[in-house]
Amino acid sequence: MNNNSVFEPVDVIVYYSGLHPSIVKFKWRGRVYKVTEMLQSWKLPVREGFEHHYVVTCRESDLLCELSFSNSDFKWLIVRYDNLT
């Protein structure tokens, strides 16, 4: 993944099966991106909680990106992105 770091807020729709999230789609810069696949996830300890990170693909938009969710302020960000091809 190239270093197209943005750290911008996004609106995310997530489906939970128990404690396991599946990101369905997200809205960034006025456009909706449908998530095709979640490739990787991890969590990092921060101040009062954790940041959860997810690498996802959006094949229709030729996009690979990393999203993060902070459980201390309940905010989603797009951390970085790149083209799939």
N, C-alpha and C. Protein backbone atom coordinates (compact mmCIF):
# COMPACT_ATOMS: atom_id res chain seq x y z
N MET A 1 0.86 -1.18 0.00
CA MET A 1 0.00 0.00 0.00
C MET A 1 0.90 1.23 0.00
N ASN A 2 0.64 2.15 -0.94
CA ASN A 2 1.40 3.39 -0.98
C ASN A 2 1.05 4.26 0.21
N ASN A 3 1.79 5.32 0.38
CA ASN A 3 1.56 6.18 1.53
C ASN A 3 0.66 7.35 1.19
N ASN A 4 -0.57 7.07 0.77
CA ASN A 4 -1.58 8.11 0.57
C ASN A 4 -2.32 8.30 1.88
N SER A 5 -1.62 8.81 2.89
CA SER A 5 -2.21 8.99 4.21
C SER A 5 -3.10 10.22 4.23
N VAL A 6 -4.30 10.05 4.78
CA VAL A 6 -5.25 11.17 4.81
C VAL A 6 -5.81 11.45 6.20
N PHE A 7 -6.06 10.44 7.01
CA PHE A 7 -6.62 10.61 8.36
C PHE A 7 -7.84 11.54 8.34
N GLU A 8 -8.82 11.19 7.48
CA GLU A 8 -10.05 11.98 7.37
C GLU A 8 -11.23 11.19 7.91
N PRO A 9 -12.23 11.89 8.48
CA PRO A 9 -13.40 11.19 9.01
C PRO A 9 -14.23 10.55 7.90
N VAL A 10 -14.82 9.40 8.21
CA VAL A 10 -15.71 8.69 7.30
C VAL A 10 -16.92 8.21 8.07
N ASP A 11 -18.03 8.04 7.36
CA ASP A 11 -19.22 7.41 7.93
C ASP A 11 -19.20 5.96 7.49
N VAL A 12 -19.41 5.04 8.43
CA VAL A 12 -19.25 3.62 8.16
C VAL A 12 -20.50 2.86 8.57
N ILE A 13 -20.91 1.91 7.73
CA ILE A 13 -21.97 0.96 8.09
C ILE A 13 -21.30 -0.37 8.36
N VAL A 14 -21.52 -0.88 9.57
CA VAL A 14 -20.88 -2.12 10.02
C VAL A 14 -21.95 -3.10 10.47
N TYR A 15 -21.79 -4.35 10.08
CA TYR A 15 -22.64 -5.43 10.55
C TYR A 15 -21.85 -6.24 11.57
N TYR A 16 -22.44 -6.48 12.72
CA TYR A 16 -21.77 -7.28 13.76
C TYR A 16 -22.43 -8.64 13.89
N SER A 17 -21.59 -9.66 13.90
CA SER A 17 -22.02 -11.01 14.23
C SER A 17 -21.32 -11.34 15.53
N GLY A 18 -22.04 -11.19 16.63
CA GLY A 18 -21.40 -11.28 17.94
C GLY A 18 -20.45 -10.11 18.09
N LEU A 19 -19.18 -10.38 18.36
CA LEU A 19 -18.18 -9.32 18.49
C LEU A 19 -17.38 -9.12 17.21
N HIS A 20 -17.74 -9.81 16.14
CA HIS A 20 -16.97 -9.76 14.90
C HIS A 20 -17.61 -8.79 13.91
N PRO A 21 -16.92 -7.66 13.62
CA PRO A 21 -17.47 -6.68 12.70
C PRO A 21 -17.23 -7.04 11.24
N SER A 22 -18.16 -6.68 10.40
CA SER A 22 -18.01 -6.76 8.95
C SER A 22 -18.38 -5.39 8.40
N ILE A 23 -17.42 -4.71 7.80
CA ILE A 23 -17.68 -3.38 7.24
C ILE A 23 -18.41 -3.56 5.91
N VAL A 24 -19.58 -2.96 5.81
CA VAL A 24 -20.43 -3.10 4.62
C VAL A 24 -20.08 -2.02 3.59
N LYS A 25 -20.05 -0.77 4.04
CA LYS A 25 -19.70 0.34 3.16
C LYS A 25 -19.33 1.55 4.00
N PHE A 26 -18.73 2.54 3.32
CA PHE A 26 -18.39 3.78 4.01
C PHE A 26 -18.52 4.95 3.05
N LYS A 27 -18.72 6.13 3.63
CA LYS A 27 -18.85 7.36 2.85
C LYS A 27 -17.67 8.25 3.14
N TRP A 28 -16.99 8.65 2.06
CA TRP A 28 -15.80 9.49 2.18
C TRP A 28 -15.81 10.51 1.05
N ARG A 29 -15.62 11.77 1.40
CA ARG A 29 -15.60 12.87 0.43
C ARG A 29 -16.84 12.87 -0.46
N GLY A 30 -18.00 12.59 0.16
CA GLY A 30 -19.27 12.65 -0.55
C GLY A 30 -19.61 11.46 -1.42
N ARG A 31 -18.77 10.43 -1.39
CA ARG A 31 -19.01 9.25 -2.23
C ARG A 31 -19.12 8.01 -1.35
N VAL A 32 -19.99 7.07 -1.74
CA VAL A 32 -20.18 5.83 -0.99
C VAL A 32 -19.35 4.72 -1.64
N TYR A 33 -18.61 3.99 -0.81
CA TYR A 33 -17.76 2.90 -1.27
C TYR A 33 -18.27 1.59 -0.67
N LYS A 34 -18.60 0.63 -1.52
CA LYS A 34 -19.05 -0.68 -1.07
C LYS A 34 -17.83 -1.55 -0.81
N VAL A 35 -17.75 -2.11 0.39
CA VAL A 35 -16.62 -2.96 0.76
C VAL A 35 -16.84 -4.36 0.23
N THR A 36 -15.86 -4.84 -0.53
CA THR A 36 -15.92 -6.17 -1.13
C THR A 36 -15.36 -7.22 -0.18
N GLU A 37 -14.26 -6.85 0.51
CA GLU A 37 -13.58 -7.82 1.36
C GLU A 37 -12.80 -7.11 2.46
N MET A 38 -12.80 -7.71 3.64
CA MET A 38 -11.93 -7.25 4.73
C MET A 38 -10.71 -8.18 4.74
N LEU A 39 -9.54 -7.61 4.50
CA LEU A 39 -8.34 -8.42 4.36
C LEU A 39 -7.59 -8.64 5.67
N GLN A 40 -7.59 -7.64 6.53
CA GLN A 40 -6.76 -7.72 7.73
C GLN A 40 -7.34 -6.79 8.80
N SER A 41 -7.12 -7.15 10.06
CA SER A 41 -7.53 -6.27 11.15
C SER A 41 -6.58 -6.45 12.33
N TRP A 42 -6.45 -5.38 13.10
CA TRP A 42 -5.62 -5.42 14.31
C TRP A 42 -6.06 -4.28 15.22
N LYS A 43 -5.63 -4.32 16.46
CA LYS A 43 -5.95 -3.23 17.38
C LYS A 43 -4.68 -2.74 18.06
N LEU A 44 -4.67 -1.45 18.33
CA LEU A 44 -3.54 -0.80 18.98
C LEU A 44 -4.01 -0.13 20.26
N PRO A 45 -3.28 -0.32 21.37
CA PRO A 45 -3.66 0.38 22.60
C PRO A 45 -3.34 1.87 22.48
N VAL A 46 -4.29 2.69 22.88
CA VAL A 46 -4.11 4.15 22.91
C VAL A 46 -4.77 4.70 24.16
N ARG A 47 -4.23 5.74 24.69
CA ARG A 47 -4.74 6.43 25.88
C ARG A 47 -5.74 5.62 26.71
N GLU A 48 -7.04 5.89 26.50
CA GLU A 48 -8.08 5.26 27.34
C GLU A 48 -8.68 4.01 26.72
N GLY A 49 -8.18 3.55 25.60
CA GLY A 49 -8.83 2.40 24.97
C GLY A 49 -8.00 1.80 23.86
N PHE A 50 -8.66 1.55 22.73
CA PHE A 50 -8.01 0.93 21.59
C PHE A 50 -8.43 1.61 20.29
N GLU A 51 -7.56 1.53 19.30
CA GLU A 51 -7.91 1.85 17.93
C GLU A 51 -7.94 0.54 17.17
N HIS A 52 -9.02 0.27 16.49
CA HIS A 52 -9.17 -0.92 15.68
C HIS A 52 -8.92 -0.53 14.22
N HIS A 53 -8.05 -1.24 13.54
CA HIS A 53 -7.70 -0.94 12.16
C HIS A 53 -8.14 -2.08 11.24
N TYR A 54 -8.61 -1.71 10.05
CA TYR A 54 -9.11 -2.69 9.09
C TYR A 54 -8.60 -2.33 7.69
N VAL A 55 -8.04 -3.29 6.99
CA VAL A 55 -7.68 -3.11 5.59
C VAL A 55 -8.80 -3.76 4.77
N VAL A 56 -9.40 -2.95 3.88
CA VAL A 56 -10.55 -3.41 3.10
C VAL A 56 -10.33 -3.11 1.62
N THR A 57 -11.03 -3.88 0.78
CA THR A 57 -11.03 -3.61 -0.65
C THR A 57 -12.42 -3.17 -1.08
N CYS A 58 -12.44 -2.29 -2.07
CA CYS A 58 -13.68 -1.84 -2.71
C CYS A 58 -13.45 -2.03 -4.20
N ARG A 59 -13.75 -3.22 -4.71
CA ARG A 59 -13.41 -3.58 -6.09
C ARG A 59 -14.11 -2.70 -7.13
N GLU A 60 -15.37 -2.34 -6.90
CA GLU A 60 -16.09 -1.50 -7.86
C GLU A 60 -15.40 -0.14 -8.04
N SER A 61 -14.71 0.32 -7.01
CA SER A 61 -14.04 1.62 -7.05
C SER A 61 -12.54 1.50 -7.20
N ASP A 62 -12.02 0.26 -7.37
CA ASP A 62 -10.59 0.00 -7.52
C ASP A 62 -9.81 0.60 -6.34
N LEU A 63 -10.29 0.36 -5.13
CA LEU A 63 -9.71 0.99 -3.95
C LEU A 63 -9.32 -0.05 -2.89
N LEU A 64 -8.16 0.16 -2.30
CA LEU A 64 -7.68 -0.59 -1.14
C LEU A 64 -7.43 0.46 -0.08
N CYS A 65 -7.99 0.27 1.11
CA CYS A 65 -7.80 1.31 2.13
C CYS A 65 -7.75 0.73 3.53
N GLU A 66 -7.21 1.55 4.41
CA GLU A 66 -7.16 1.22 5.84
C GLU A 66 -8.09 2.17 6.57
N LEU A 67 -9.03 1.59 7.31
CA LEU A 67 -9.96 2.35 8.13
C LEU A 67 -9.63 2.10 9.59
N SER A 68 -9.90 3.09 10.44
CA SER A 68 -9.70 2.87 11.87
C SER A 68 -10.91 3.36 12.65
N PHE A 69 -11.13 2.70 13.78
CA PHE A 69 -12.21 3.06 14.70
C PHE A 69 -11.63 3.21 16.09
N SER A 70 -11.90 4.33 16.72
CA SER A 70 -11.44 4.57 18.09
C SER A 70 -12.58 4.30 19.05
N ASN A 71 -12.37 3.38 19.99
CA ASN A 71 -13.45 3.10 20.95
C ASN A 71 -13.46 4.11 22.10
N SER A 72 -12.54 5.07 22.12
CA SER A 72 -12.59 6.11 23.15
C SER A 72 -13.47 7.29 22.72
N ASP A 73 -13.51 7.60 21.42
CA ASP A 73 -14.37 8.69 20.96
C ASP A 73 -15.39 8.25 19.90
N PHE A 74 -15.40 6.94 19.57
CA PHE A 74 -16.37 6.35 18.64
C PHE A 74 -16.33 7.00 17.25
N LYS A 75 -15.12 7.32 16.77
CA LYS A 75 -14.97 7.94 15.46
C LYS A 75 -14.23 7.02 14.50
N TRP A 76 -14.69 7.04 13.25
CA TRP A 76 -14.06 6.30 12.15
C TRP A 76 -13.23 7.26 11.33
N LEU A 77 -12.07 6.79 10.86
CA LEU A 77 -11.21 7.55 9.96
C LEU A 77 -10.75 6.66 8.82
N ILE A 78 -10.52 7.28 7.67
CA ILE A 78 -9.77 6.60 6.63
C ILE A 78 -8.33 7.03 6.85
N VAL A 79 -7.47 6.06 7.09
CA VAL A 79 -6.08 6.32 7.44
C VAL A 79 -5.25 6.51 6.17
N ARG A 80 -5.40 5.59 5.24
CA ARG A 80 -4.66 5.67 3.97
C ARG A 80 -5.37 4.84 2.91
N TYR A 81 -4.99 5.08 1.66
CA TYR A 81 -5.65 4.39 0.56
C TYR A 81 -4.69 4.21 -0.61
N ASP A 82 -5.08 3.34 -1.53
CA ASP A 82 -4.32 3.11 -2.75
C ASP A 82 -5.25 2.45 -3.77
N ASN A 83 -4.85 2.47 -5.04
CA ASN A 83 -5.59 1.76 -6.07
C ASN A 83 -5.27 0.28 -6.00
N LEU A 84 -6.24 -0.56 -6.32
CA LEU A 84 -6.02 -2.01 -6.35
C LEU A 84 -5.12 -2.42 -7.51
N THR A 85 -5.24 -1.73 -8.62
CA THR A 85 -4.45 -2.11 -9.80
C THR A 85 -3.24 -1.23 -9.98
